[in-house]
Amino acid sequence: MSRDGAVMPAAYVERPKLGRGEELRYLSKPELLEEIGPPRFLRVFLVLVTLVVFGSGAWASVAKIKETTKALGEVVPLGSVHAIQHLEGGIIAEIMVTEGEVVARGQTMVRLDPTAALADLEANRIRRVGLQLRAERLRAFAAGDAAAFVKVPARYDHLRADQQIILKQQKKARQKQKNVLALKQKQREVELKVLKSEAAKLRREVAILATQRDTQEKLLVEKLVSNLVYLNTLREHNTIAGELDEVIDKAERAREAIAEASAKIEELEAGLRDDALDEMGSVRAELAEVEQSIVQTQDRVRRLRIVAPAHGIVQELAVTAVGSVIAPGAPLAMIVPIEDELIVEGRISPIDVGHVKIGDEAKVKITTYDFARFGAIEGVVEKISPTTFKDQDGTVYYKSSIRLNKNHVGDKPGENLILPGMVAEVDILAGERTVLRYLLRPIYQSLDTAMTER
């Protein structure tokens, strides 16, 4: 009978009540698994994994990473590299720099042998002094006064003495010619004076004979004088009158000779003066040429000291031996400026150039300095070449110019300076994309090319 008074079947025997653990021992494995379910730690793990997966997916679809295009480059000055050449060439006397040395603007790099240039300069100076003295000598001769020769260095005194002697001889020769003409003029003047006196005498005789003739002519009419006497007087009158005419002609010719002699003296003076002035003009023109030649030679002497045109680094030094000869216009060295603004000239692969545009930011790592210690330098892409170039190995690339925002690495200006020629690694920030897109990219590429093979 049960506790409530009910009568139990005869075959039923009441068993004592068991605990849950004892009950589970009597169950089969399928029933046991169904009864107890998965362990709690497993459920917690599965929940965490699910949260991580979905959370990561959500983060990957939102979080963005920066895309970079890598390029190798070299630091170059924004300005031009200076090529050192010499106009005339010459013999090397001294080499004062070495390959790779940093030189200051105006620093002497090479000296050339000055012998030939100095000899040419001295020769031109001698010509200049000689022409100056010669021009003054001609001026003094043309003006007929004393020469005021320029003061010259003692080593040129012989040139001044020579011109003084020449001037003295020229004046002496001119005076001699004038004396000859003056003597002729004087002789003609004396002759004219004699002729004038003779003409006066003959005029008196002619006048007397004319009176005598006229008187005898009247007496002849009255037959008081013979015809013979009258004819003799007439003949004598005509003879003296003829002599007077002849003397007058001679006097006129003497006057003409005197005038001619005077004109010749003036002509001599004018001719010698004009010749001297013409020669002086030629001398002064030649002097101007010599002055210009001296300026050029002095410039040539100054260029014997070959100096650095800018503060920079010596590269490609072509002269190595004292006494060697350099040809006119031959390159001596290259100066890479370091005071000019520096840029990095990078090489971008044709595969990556489509992702790069002007204005993109870049991070530049100078390989000379430890990136982990000094960090990178910020920069901006300023130029991309419109076409490709090839290096010696045949590799095709695009040139890019990245302007740097400072000329040193690290935090201390003036230290760890960037110099032309340093190698750089450039990371150009070409855009952004999500992490999920980055992870799915291989799948997209595979799907894009799947089932397209022939």
Protein backbone atom coordinates (compact mmCIF):
# COMPACT_ATOMS: atom_id res chain seq x y z
CA MET A 1 0.00 0.00 0.00
CA SER A 2 1.20 3.41 -0.80
CA ARG A 3 1.57 6.31 1.60
CA ASP A 4 -1.77 7.71 0.54
CA GLY A 5 -3.52 4.43 1.26
CA ALA A 6 -3.79 3.25 -2.32
CA VAL A 7 -3.32 -0.39 -2.94
CA MET A 8 -0.29 -1.11 -5.18
CA PRO A 9 -0.17 -3.96 -7.65
CA ALA A 10 1.32 -7.10 -6.31
CA ALA A 11 4.24 -7.06 -8.73
CA TYR A 12 5.30 -3.50 -7.95
CA VAL A 13 7.96 -3.09 -5.39
CA GLU A 14 8.76 0.44 -4.25
CA ARG A 15 12.47 1.40 -4.77
CA PRO A 16 14.24 3.90 -2.71
CA LYS A 17 14.62 7.40 -4.40
CA LEU A 18 18.06 7.98 -6.09
CA GLY A 19 20.11 11.22 -6.46
CA ARG A 20 20.69 12.84 -9.88
CA GLY A 21 24.22 11.60 -10.05
CA GLU A 22 23.12 8.03 -9.35
CA GLU A 23 20.35 8.34 -11.93
CA LEU A 24 22.80 9.50 -14.60
CA ARG A 25 24.94 6.44 -14.06
CA TYR A 26 22.12 4.21 -15.16
CA LEU A 27 21.55 6.09 -18.44
CA SER A 28 23.04 5.07 -21.81
CA LYS A 29 25.56 7.39 -23.49
CA PRO A 30 23.09 8.90 -25.99
CA GLU A 31 20.61 9.45 -23.21
CA LEU A 32 23.36 10.80 -21.01
CA LEU A 33 24.53 13.34 -23.65
CA GLU A 34 20.97 14.39 -24.29
CA GLU A 35 20.32 14.76 -20.60
CA ILE A 36 23.37 16.78 -19.52
CA GLY A 37 24.01 18.86 -22.74
CA PRO A 38 27.42 20.47 -23.63
CA PRO A 39 29.77 21.52 -20.85
CA ARG A 40 29.45 25.09 -19.62
CA PHE A 41 33.02 26.11 -20.49
CA LEU A 42 32.42 24.95 -24.05
CA ARG A 43 29.31 27.05 -24.32
CA VAL A 44 31.18 30.06 -23.02
CA PHE A 45 34.06 29.44 -25.48
CA LEU A 46 31.69 29.16 -28.41
CA VAL A 47 29.97 32.37 -27.43
CA LEU A 48 33.32 34.16 -27.16
CA VAL A 49 34.50 32.81 -30.50
CA THR A 50 31.27 33.93 -32.13
CA LEU A 51 31.62 37.40 -30.65
CA VAL A 52 35.26 37.62 -31.75
CA VAL A 53 34.46 36.51 -35.30
CA PHE A 54 31.58 38.90 -35.78
CA GLY A 55 33.38 41.69 -33.95
CA SER A 56 36.50 41.21 -36.07
CA GLY A 57 34.41 41.20 -39.21
CA ALA A 58 32.68 44.39 -38.18
CA TRP A 59 36.03 46.01 -37.28
CA ALA A 60 37.64 44.81 -40.50
CA SER A 61 34.81 46.29 -42.53
CA VAL A 62 35.20 49.67 -40.83
CA ALA A 63 38.86 49.98 -39.86
CA LYS A 64 41.09 51.43 -42.57
CA ILE A 65 44.75 50.96 -43.30
CA LYS A 66 46.95 53.22 -45.40
CA GLU A 67 48.18 52.02 -48.77
CA THR A 68 51.78 52.89 -49.58
CA THR A 69 53.83 52.79 -52.73
CA LYS A 70 57.48 52.10 -52.14
CA ALA A 71 60.23 53.69 -54.16
CA LEU A 72 63.97 53.98 -53.96
CA GLY A 73 65.49 57.38 -54.47
CA GLU A 74 68.47 59.66 -54.12
CA VAL A 75 68.79 63.04 -52.45
CA VAL A 76 69.52 65.73 -55.03
CA PRO A 77 69.61 69.54 -54.85
CA LEU A 78 66.64 71.39 -56.24
CA GLY A 79 69.02 73.62 -58.19
CA SER A 80 71.45 72.52 -60.86
CA VAL A 81 74.69 70.71 -60.17
CA HIS A 82 77.60 73.02 -61.04
CA ALA A 83 80.02 71.79 -63.69
CA ILE A 84 83.52 73.23 -63.17
CA GLN A 85 85.34 74.03 -66.42
CA HIS A 86 88.16 76.33 -67.51
CA LEU A 87 87.84 78.50 -70.58
CA GLU A 88 91.46 78.51 -71.77
CA GLY A 89 92.86 75.42 -70.05
CA GLY A 90 96.45 75.28 -68.88
CA ILE A 91 98.99 73.47 -66.73
CA ILE A 92 97.94 72.43 -63.23
CA ALA A 93 100.15 73.97 -60.54
CA GLU A 94 98.28 72.91 -57.40
CA ILE A 95 95.27 70.73 -56.48
CA MET A 96 93.68 71.85 -53.22
CA VAL A 97 90.59 69.61 -52.86
CA THR A 98 89.77 65.92 -52.92
CA GLU A 99 86.85 63.85 -54.16
CA GLY A 100 83.90 64.05 -51.76
CA GLU A 101 85.24 67.07 -49.88
CA VAL A 102 82.78 69.76 -48.77
CA VAL A 103 83.91 73.16 -50.09
CA ALA A 104 82.72 76.68 -49.33
CA ARG A 105 81.61 79.16 -51.93
CA GLY A 106 84.71 80.91 -53.36
CA GLN A 107 87.14 78.33 -51.95
CA THR A 108 90.14 77.67 -54.19
CA MET A 109 90.03 74.21 -55.72
CA VAL A 110 92.80 74.22 -58.34
CA ARG A 111 95.57 76.66 -59.30
CA LEU A 112 96.97 76.83 -62.83
CA ASP A 113 100.51 77.80 -63.84
CA PRO A 114 100.50 81.62 -64.27
CA THR A 115 103.66 81.94 -66.41
CA ALA A 116 102.04 82.35 -69.83
CA ALA A 117 99.16 84.51 -68.62
CA LEU A 118 101.42 86.87 -66.66
CA ALA A 119 103.76 87.17 -69.64
CA ASP A 120 100.84 88.13 -71.89
CA LEU A 121 99.64 90.64 -69.30
CA GLU A 122 103.07 92.29 -69.05
CA ALA A 123 103.38 92.43 -72.84
CA ASN A 124 100.03 94.19 -73.08
CA ARG A 125 101.01 96.62 -70.34
CA ILE A 126 104.22 97.48 -72.22
CA ARG A 127 102.19 98.07 -75.37
CA ARG A 128 99.79 100.29 -73.45
CA VAL A 129 102.59 102.45 -72.01
CA GLY A 130 104.25 102.69 -75.41
CA LEU A 131 101.01 103.73 -77.09
CA GLN A 132 100.21 106.28 -74.38
CA LEU A 133 103.65 107.88 -74.78
CA ARG A 134 103.38 107.77 -78.55
CA ALA A 135 99.93 109.41 -78.50
CA GLU A 136 101.22 112.25 -76.30
CA ARG A 137 104.26 112.70 -78.53
CA LEU A 138 102.02 113.01 -81.60
CA ARG A 139 99.71 115.44 -79.80
CA ALA A 140 102.63 117.64 -78.77
CA PHE A 141 104.08 117.56 -82.31
CA ALA A 142 100.71 118.48 -83.84
CA ALA A 143 100.13 121.29 -81.34
CA GLY A 144 103.71 122.49 -81.52
CA ASP A 145 104.14 122.59 -77.76
CA ALA A 146 106.00 120.61 -75.13
CA ALA A 147 104.96 117.02 -74.42
CA ALA A 148 103.41 116.13 -71.06
CA PHE A 149 104.26 112.45 -70.93
CA VAL A 150 102.35 110.34 -68.40
CA LYS A 151 104.20 109.17 -65.34
CA VAL A 152 105.27 105.59 -65.85
CA PRO A 153 106.93 103.00 -63.62
CA ALA A 154 110.71 103.08 -63.60
CA ARG A 155 110.92 99.92 -65.69
CA TYR A 156 109.28 101.82 -68.57
CA ASP A 157 111.55 104.92 -68.44
CA HIS A 158 113.37 103.83 -71.58
CA LEU A 159 110.10 103.98 -73.51
CA ARG A 160 109.54 107.59 -72.44
CA ALA A 161 113.13 108.50 -73.34
CA ASP A 162 112.66 106.99 -76.80
CA GLN A 163 109.53 109.06 -77.45
CA GLN A 164 111.25 112.23 -76.25
CA ILE A 165 114.09 111.61 -78.72
CA ILE A 166 111.64 110.93 -81.55
CA LEU A 167 109.69 114.11 -80.77
CA LYS A 168 112.90 116.15 -80.76
CA GLN A 169 113.96 114.70 -84.12
CA GLN A 170 110.52 115.30 -85.63
CA LYS A 171 110.50 118.92 -84.53
CA LYS A 172 114.04 119.37 -85.88
CA ALA A 173 113.11 117.87 -89.25
CA ARG A 174 110.00 120.05 -89.46
CA GLN A 175 112.00 123.17 -88.67
CA LYS A 176 114.58 122.26 -91.29
CA GLN A 177 111.90 121.97 -93.95
CA LYS A 178 110.40 125.27 -92.85
CA ASN A 179 113.83 126.91 -92.96
CA VAL A 180 114.35 125.79 -96.56
CA LEU A 181 111.01 127.24 -97.59
CA ALA A 182 111.62 130.39 -95.54
CA LEU A 183 115.01 130.87 -97.21
CA LYS A 184 113.43 130.66 -100.63
CA GLN A 185 110.79 133.12 -99.52
CA LYS A 186 113.48 135.48 -98.21
CA GLN A 187 115.40 135.28 -101.47
CA ARG A 188 112.28 136.14 -103.42
CA GLU A 189 111.58 139.05 -101.10
CA VAL A 190 115.11 140.41 -101.67
CA GLU A 191 114.71 139.90 -105.38
CA LEU A 192 111.38 141.73 -105.28
CA LYS A 193 112.95 144.61 -103.41
CA VAL A 194 115.70 144.93 -106.05
CA LEU A 195 113.15 144.74 -108.82
CA LYS A 196 111.03 147.41 -107.19
CA SER A 197 114.08 149.71 -106.96
CA GLU A 198 115.02 149.02 -110.55
CA ALA A 199 111.47 149.56 -111.69
CA ALA A 200 111.37 152.93 -109.93
CA LYS A 201 114.61 153.96 -111.64
CA LEU A 202 113.33 152.84 -115.02
CA ARG A 203 110.06 154.69 -114.51
CA ARG A 204 112.01 157.89 -113.91
CA GLU A 205 114.11 157.30 -117.04
CA VAL A 206 111.01 156.51 -119.06
CA ALA A 207 109.39 159.69 -117.81
CA ILE A 208 112.44 161.77 -118.77
CA LEU A 209 112.71 160.14 -122.19
CA ALA A 210 109.01 160.61 -122.75
CA THR A 211 109.37 164.35 -122.04
CA GLN A 212 112.45 164.52 -124.27
CA ARG A 213 110.61 162.65 -127.01
CA ASP A 214 107.62 164.93 -126.86
CA THR A 215 109.85 168.03 -126.96
CA GLN A 216 111.89 166.74 -129.90
CA GLU A 217 108.69 165.80 -131.66
CA LYS A 218 107.56 169.44 -131.50
CA LEU A 219 111.01 170.71 -132.55
CA LEU A 220 111.01 168.22 -135.42
CA VAL A 221 107.86 169.81 -136.74
CA GLU A 222 109.56 173.21 -136.62
CA LYS A 223 112.68 171.64 -138.11
CA LEU A 224 114.70 172.70 -135.12
CA VAL A 225 116.03 169.19 -134.54
CA SER A 226 117.09 166.53 -136.92
CA ASN A 227 115.01 163.47 -137.52
CA LEU A 228 117.92 161.26 -136.49
CA VAL A 229 118.08 162.78 -133.01
CA TYR A 230 114.33 162.33 -132.60
CA LEU A 231 114.50 158.68 -133.67
CA ASN A 232 117.38 157.96 -131.27
CA THR A 233 115.39 159.46 -128.40
CA LEU A 234 112.30 157.46 -129.41
CA ARG A 235 114.32 154.24 -129.66
CA GLU A 236 115.93 154.83 -126.25
CA HIS A 237 112.49 155.54 -124.73
CA ASN A 238 111.03 152.34 -126.10
CA THR A 239 114.04 150.36 -124.92
CA ILE A 240 113.81 151.68 -121.37
CA ALA A 241 110.02 151.19 -121.38
CA GLY A 242 110.56 147.58 -122.47
CA GLU A 243 113.05 147.08 -119.69
CA LEU A 244 110.51 148.53 -117.22
CA ASP A 245 107.83 146.12 -118.38
CA GLU A 246 110.26 143.25 -118.01
CA VAL A 247 111.20 144.35 -114.48
CA ILE A 248 107.51 144.66 -113.59
CA ASP A 249 106.93 141.11 -114.86
CA LYS A 250 109.85 139.84 -112.80
CA ALA A 251 108.53 141.65 -109.73
CA GLU A 252 105.11 140.07 -110.22
CA ARG A 253 106.68 136.63 -110.52
CA ALA A 254 108.70 137.35 -107.38
CA ARG A 255 105.51 138.24 -105.52
CA GLU A 256 103.93 135.01 -106.69
CA ALA A 257 107.01 133.07 -105.58
CA ILE A 258 106.86 134.74 -102.17
CA ALA A 259 103.16 133.88 -101.81
CA GLU A 260 103.87 130.33 -102.95
CA ALA A 261 106.68 129.94 -100.43
CA SER A 262 104.42 131.21 -97.66
CA ALA A 263 101.68 128.82 -98.76
CA LYS A 264 104.16 125.96 -98.81
CA ILE A 265 105.20 126.74 -95.26
CA GLU A 266 101.56 126.70 -94.16
CA GLU A 267 100.96 123.55 -96.19
CA LEU A 268 103.95 121.92 -94.56
CA GLU A 269 102.65 122.84 -91.11
CA ALA A 270 99.14 121.60 -91.92
CA GLY A 271 100.36 118.41 -93.56
CA LEU A 272 102.63 117.47 -90.71
CA ARG A 273 99.90 118.33 -88.20
CA ASP A 274 97.28 116.31 -90.07
CA ASP A 275 99.61 113.35 -90.41
CA ALA A 276 100.36 113.49 -86.70
CA LEU A 277 96.67 113.73 -85.80
CA ASP A 278 95.77 110.85 -88.12
CA GLU A 279 98.49 108.73 -86.60
CA MET A 280 97.36 109.75 -83.13
CA GLY A 281 93.83 108.60 -83.94
CA SER A 282 95.15 105.21 -85.04
CA VAL A 283 97.31 105.00 -81.93
CA ARG A 284 94.38 105.77 -79.67
CA ALA A 285 92.23 103.16 -81.41
CA GLU A 286 95.01 100.64 -80.94
CA LEU A 287 95.33 101.79 -77.32
CA ALA A 288 91.64 101.09 -76.74
CA GLU A 289 92.12 97.57 -78.12
CA VAL A 290 95.11 97.05 -75.85
CA GLU A 291 93.10 98.27 -72.84
CA GLN A 292 90.42 95.71 -73.65
CA SER A 293 93.07 93.04 -74.12
CA ILE A 294 94.51 93.91 -70.70
CA VAL A 295 91.06 93.51 -69.11
CA GLN A 296 90.70 90.12 -70.76
CA THR A 297 94.20 89.06 -69.72
CA GLN A 298 93.60 90.21 -66.14
CA ASP A 299 90.41 88.18 -66.11
CA ARG A 300 92.40 85.24 -67.44
CA VAL A 301 94.92 85.69 -64.61
CA ARG A 302 92.09 85.75 -62.07
CA ARG A 303 90.71 82.54 -63.55
CA LEU A 304 94.01 80.80 -62.87
CA ARG A 305 92.55 80.29 -59.41
CA ILE A 306 89.62 77.96 -59.98
CA VAL A 307 87.12 78.43 -57.15
CA ALA A 308 83.96 76.65 -56.02
CA PRO A 309 80.86 78.44 -57.34
CA ALA A 310 78.72 77.26 -54.43
CA HIS A 311 78.86 75.58 -51.05
CA GLY A 312 78.72 71.92 -51.93
CA ILE A 313 80.38 68.55 -52.33
CA VAL A 314 83.17 67.87 -54.83
CA GLN A 315 82.31 65.03 -57.18
CA GLU A 316 83.86 63.60 -60.34
CA LEU A 317 87.20 65.33 -59.74
CA ALA A 318 88.98 64.88 -63.07
CA VAL A 319 92.38 66.34 -62.15
CA THR A 320 94.72 64.30 -60.01
CA ALA A 321 98.30 65.21 -60.93
CA VAL A 322 100.24 68.46 -60.70
CA GLY A 323 101.80 69.37 -64.04
CA SER A 324 99.13 67.72 -66.14
CA VAL A 325 97.48 69.72 -68.90
CA ILE A 326 93.78 70.45 -69.09
CA ALA A 327 92.18 71.26 -72.43
CA PRO A 328 90.09 74.42 -72.91
CA GLY A 329 86.54 73.81 -71.72
CA ALA A 330 87.35 70.38 -70.30
CA PRO A 331 85.33 69.39 -67.17
CA LEU A 332 87.38 69.52 -63.96
CA ALA A 333 84.81 68.57 -61.32
CA MET A 334 81.17 68.74 -60.31
CA ILE A 335 79.91 70.68 -57.28
CA VAL A 336 76.69 69.37 -55.77
CA PRO A 337 75.19 72.26 -53.76
CA ILE A 338 74.18 71.54 -50.17
CA GLU A 339 72.72 74.93 -49.32
CA ASP A 340 70.04 74.66 -51.97
CA GLU A 341 66.74 73.07 -51.05
CA LEU A 342 67.01 69.29 -51.27
CA ILE A 343 64.53 66.89 -52.80
CA VAL A 344 64.42 63.14 -53.19
CA GLU A 345 64.35 61.91 -56.75
CA GLY A 346 62.49 58.61 -56.50
CA ARG A 347 61.94 55.78 -58.93
CA ILE A 348 58.35 54.51 -59.11
CA SER A 349 57.52 51.22 -60.78
CA PRO A 350 55.08 51.45 -63.72
CA ILE A 351 52.88 49.01 -61.77
CA ASP A 352 52.50 51.48 -58.90
CA VAL A 353 52.55 54.82 -60.70
CA GLY A 354 48.79 54.76 -61.28
CA HIS A 355 48.21 54.91 -57.53
CA VAL A 356 50.44 57.95 -57.01
CA LYS A 357 49.45 61.54 -57.67
CA ILE A 358 50.99 64.93 -57.10
CA GLY A 359 50.31 66.14 -53.58
CA ASP A 360 50.48 62.70 -51.95
CA GLU A 361 52.23 62.62 -48.61
CA ALA A 362 55.37 60.55 -48.26
CA LYS A 363 57.65 59.27 -45.54
CA VAL A 364 61.31 59.29 -46.45
CA LYS A 365 63.87 57.11 -44.72
CA ILE A 366 67.51 58.10 -45.25
CA THR A 367 69.47 54.86 -45.28
CA THR A 368 72.58 56.59 -43.93
CA TYR A 369 70.83 57.12 -40.61
CA ASP A 370 69.16 54.45 -38.46
CA PHE A 371 65.41 54.73 -39.04
CA ALA A 372 64.60 53.11 -35.69
CA ARG A 373 66.62 55.81 -33.94
CA PHE A 374 66.01 58.95 -35.97
CA GLY A 375 62.70 58.22 -37.68
CA ALA A 376 61.53 59.29 -41.12
CA ILE A 377 61.13 62.68 -42.78
CA GLU A 378 57.79 63.95 -43.98
CA GLY A 379 57.54 64.93 -47.61
CA VAL A 380 55.16 65.68 -50.47
CA VAL A 381 55.14 64.40 -54.05
CA GLU A 382 55.61 67.45 -56.26
CA LYS A 383 56.37 66.00 -59.66
CA ILE A 384 55.92 62.79 -61.63
CA SER A 385 57.58 62.37 -65.00
CA PRO A 386 55.18 62.07 -67.95
CA THR A 387 57.09 59.14 -69.40
CA THR A 388 59.40 56.36 -68.32
CA PHE A 389 63.16 56.07 -68.11
CA LYS A 390 65.53 53.12 -68.22
CA ASP A 391 68.53 52.51 -66.01
CA GLN A 392 71.68 50.66 -67.01
CA ASP A 393 70.05 47.33 -66.20
CA GLY A 394 67.08 48.06 -68.43
CA THR A 395 64.65 48.54 -65.55
CA VAL A 396 61.81 50.88 -66.48
CA TYR A 397 60.68 53.50 -63.98
CA TYR A 398 58.99 56.85 -63.58
CA LYS A 399 60.85 59.75 -61.99
CA SER A 400 59.22 61.47 -59.04
CA SER A 401 60.28 64.48 -56.99
CA ILE A 402 59.52 64.49 -53.27
CA ARG A 403 60.05 67.78 -51.43
CA LEU A 404 61.29 67.34 -47.85
CA ASN A 405 59.99 69.46 -44.97
CA LYS A 406 63.42 69.62 -43.29
CA ASN A 407 67.06 69.09 -44.14
CA HIS A 408 67.98 66.80 -41.27
CA VAL A 409 66.81 63.64 -39.54
CA GLY A 410 65.94 63.54 -35.88
CA ASP A 411 64.87 66.38 -33.61
CA LYS A 412 68.06 68.46 -33.58
CA PRO A 413 68.42 70.98 -36.43
CA GLY A 414 71.98 71.32 -37.61
CA GLU A 415 72.80 67.70 -36.81
CA ASN A 416 72.45 64.61 -38.98
CA LEU A 417 72.15 66.76 -42.08
CA ILE A 418 70.87 65.33 -45.32
CA LEU A 419 73.42 65.66 -48.10
CA PRO A 420 73.10 65.26 -51.85
CA GLY A 421 73.82 61.75 -53.00
CA MET A 422 72.36 59.98 -49.97
CA VAL A 423 70.11 57.01 -50.73
CA ALA A 424 66.51 57.11 -49.51
CA GLU A 425 63.60 54.70 -49.16
CA VAL A 426 60.30 56.41 -49.88
CA ASP A 427 56.86 55.29 -48.72
CA ILE A 428 54.25 57.27 -50.66
CA LEU A 429 50.83 57.30 -48.99
CA ALA A 430 48.70 56.48 -52.02
CA GLY A 431 45.29 56.05 -50.28
CA GLU A 432 43.31 54.01 -47.74
CA ARG A 433 41.25 50.80 -47.73
CA THR A 434 39.51 48.66 -45.12
CA VAL A 435 41.16 45.69 -43.51
CA LEU A 436 38.37 43.46 -44.83
CA ARG A 437 38.99 44.60 -48.40
CA TYR A 438 42.70 43.98 -47.96
CA LEU A 439 42.02 40.42 -46.66
CA LEU A 440 39.52 39.65 -49.41
CA ARG A 441 41.73 40.97 -52.21
CA PRO A 442 43.26 37.55 -53.02
CA ILE A 443 39.75 36.08 -53.21
CA TYR A 444 38.59 38.85 -55.54
CA GLN A 445 41.58 38.30 -57.77
CA SER A 446 41.01 34.54 -57.82
CA LEU A 447 37.33 34.98 -58.68
CA ASP A 448 38.19 37.49 -61.37
CA THR A 449 40.45 35.01 -63.12
CA ALA A 450 38.53 31.82 -62.27
CA MET A 451 37.16 29.73 -65.11
CA THR A 452 38.69 32.02 -67.74
CA GLU A 453 41.49 29.75 -68.81
CA ARG A 454 41.15 28.15 -72.18
